[in-house]
Protein backbone atom coordinates (compact mmCIF):
# COMPACT_ATOMS: atom_id res chain seq x y z
CA MET A 1 118.41 283.15 89.64
CA SER A 2 116.49 285.85 87.77
CA GLU A 3 116.18 285.72 83.98
CA ILE A 4 116.07 289.52 83.66
CA LYS A 5 118.31 292.40 84.75
CA CYS A 6 117.27 295.88 85.89
CA LEU A 7 117.44 298.50 83.15
CA VAL A 8 118.71 301.12 85.60
CA CYS A 9 121.26 299.43 87.86
CA SER A 10 121.67 295.98 86.19
CA GLY A 11 120.54 294.32 89.43
CA SER A 12 119.22 290.78 89.20
CA TYR A 13 116.98 290.62 92.28
CA PHE A 14 113.29 291.48 91.90
CA ARG A 15 110.07 291.29 93.81
CA LYS A 16 106.82 290.49 91.99
CA GLY A 17 103.98 293.01 92.02
CA TYR A 18 100.79 293.91 90.13
CA TYR A 19 98.10 296.57 89.85
CA ASP A 20 94.43 295.94 90.62
CA LEU A 21 91.46 298.32 90.17
CA ASP A 22 88.42 298.06 92.37
CA LEU A 23 86.34 301.13 93.18
CA LYS A 24 83.63 301.48 95.77
CA LEU A 25 81.61 304.68 96.15
CA ASP A 26 79.20 305.19 99.04
CA ILE A 27 77.02 308.31 99.22
CA TYR A 28 75.17 308.87 102.45
CA SER A 29 72.31 311.33 101.95
CA SER A 30 69.54 312.74 104.06
CA ALA A 31 66.33 314.48 103.01
CA HIS A 32 64.74 317.28 105.00
CA ASN A 33 61.15 318.32 104.39
CA ASN A 34 60.00 321.82 105.26
CA VAL A 35 56.23 321.95 105.41
CA ASP A 36 54.35 325.26 105.68
CA VAL A 37 50.60 325.14 106.27
CA HIS A 38 48.55 328.33 105.97
CA ASN A 39 44.87 328.27 106.64
CA ARG A 40 42.21 330.95 106.54
CA SER A 41 38.66 330.64 107.63
CA PHE A 42 35.87 333.12 107.44
CA ASN A 43 33.24 333.26 110.15
CA ALA A 44 30.36 334.52 108.02
CA ASP A 45 30.93 332.11 105.20
CA ILE A 46 32.00 328.66 106.03
CA ASN A 47 34.93 328.95 103.66
CA VAL A 48 38.16 327.30 104.68
CA ASP A 49 41.23 328.04 102.63
CA ILE A 50 44.26 325.83 103.28
CA ASP A 51 47.60 326.31 101.55
CA VAL A 52 50.30 323.64 102.03
CA ASP A 53 53.86 324.23 100.78
CA VAL A 54 56.36 321.38 100.94
CA ARG A 55 60.04 321.98 100.22
CA THR A 56 62.44 319.03 100.23
CA ASP A 57 66.19 319.53 100.57
CA VAL A 58 68.60 316.66 99.96
CA TYR A 59 71.97 316.84 101.67
CA HIS A 60 74.91 314.59 100.93
CA ASP A 61 76.23 314.11 104.42
CA ASP A 62 79.19 311.92 103.57
CA ILE A 63 80.79 310.61 100.38
CA VAL A 64 83.24 307.74 100.77
CA LEU A 65 85.37 306.53 97.86
CA ASN A 66 87.71 303.57 98.09
CA GLY A 67 89.75 302.28 95.19
CA ASP A 68 92.41 299.82 94.10
CA LEU A 69 94.28 299.91 90.78
CA ASP A 70 94.77 297.04 88.28
CA LEU A 71 96.20 297.29 84.77
CA LYS A 72 94.94 295.12 81.87
CA LEU A 73 95.60 295.43 78.15
CA TYR A 74 93.28 295.15 75.17
CA SER A 75 94.13 292.61 72.51
CA GLU A 76 95.91 293.91 69.41
CA ASP A 77 94.02 291.37 67.28
CA LYS A 78 91.72 293.53 65.09
CA ARG A 79 89.46 290.58 64.20
CA ASN A 80 88.42 290.28 67.82
CA ASN A 81 85.56 292.68 68.63
CA TYR A 82 85.69 292.00 72.35
CA PRO A 83 88.62 293.07 74.48
CA ASN A 84 91.04 290.31 75.34
CA TYR A 85 92.69 291.05 78.63
CA ALA A 86 96.33 290.25 79.24
CA GLU A 87 97.74 290.34 82.72
CA VAL A 88 100.66 292.68 83.25
CA TYR A 89 103.46 291.38 85.47
CA LYS A 90 105.33 293.98 87.53
CA TYR A 91 108.78 293.46 88.99
CA VAL A 92 110.46 295.85 91.42
CA CYS A 93 114.26 295.91 91.58
CA ASP A 94 115.49 295.04 95.10
CA ASN A 95 118.51 297.34 94.67
CA CYS A 96 117.12 300.61 93.24
CA GLY A 97 113.30 300.21 93.29
CA TYR A 98 112.85 300.57 89.50
CA ILE A 99 109.59 298.97 88.31
CA MET A 100 109.59 296.95 85.08
CA SER A 101 106.44 295.63 83.37
CA PHE A 102 106.05 292.55 81.17
CA ILE A 103 103.03 290.79 79.65
CA LYS A 104 104.74 287.43 80.13
CA GLU A 105 105.67 286.14 83.55
CA LYS A 106 109.39 286.09 84.28
CA GLN A 107 111.29 283.90 86.70
CA VAL A 108 112.68 286.29 89.29
CA GLU A 109 114.10 285.90 92.76
CA SER A 110 114.43 288.40 95.59
CA LYS A 111 117.45 288.55 97.89
CA LYS A 112 115.38 286.94 100.65
CA GLU A 113 114.15 284.13 98.36
CA GLU A 114 117.71 283.44 97.18
CA LYS A 115 118.95 283.21 100.78
CA GLU A 116 116.11 280.79 101.67
CA ARG A 117 116.75 278.67 98.52
CA LYS A 118 120.49 278.40 99.24
CA GLN A 119 119.81 277.53 102.86
CA LYS A 120 117.43 274.77 101.76
CA GLU A 121 119.95 273.44 99.19
CA ARG A 122 122.68 273.22 101.86
CA SER A 123 120.37 271.25 104.13
CA TYR A 124 120.05 268.31 101.67
CA ASP A 125 122.06 265.19 102.49
CA TRP A 126 123.91 264.20 99.30
CA SER A 127 126.15 261.57 100.94
CA ASP A 128 124.21 258.56 99.61
CA PHE A 129 123.50 260.07 96.17
CA GLY A 130 124.52 257.86 93.24
CA LYS A 131 125.18 254.65 95.23
């Protein structure tokens, strides 16, 4: 049996859920060099003039971003300089889908879990209990 009721439909069946944040960014780049070589030589003088121009272009061929979301809260204690994280517990109403958030874990039960619990309770043999 759930200890909370849905704020929208007053349902008492919930599924547990949570948010998690994890980001991964991959940038695949390639560099292309364009080299121009110009040379001049003079027959009478043995002068050789060489001019080398190098131009490098960087191309981002593919950018891949993957992410997951998690929600944590900072502590309200002003004496604490470092953030204290509190886990946020999410519960989704089985009837209407409304999501409720709490910073303390609640005892909830989904329709499926209730059916399994009742089935298990009926399977106990109470005939020799108390003898």
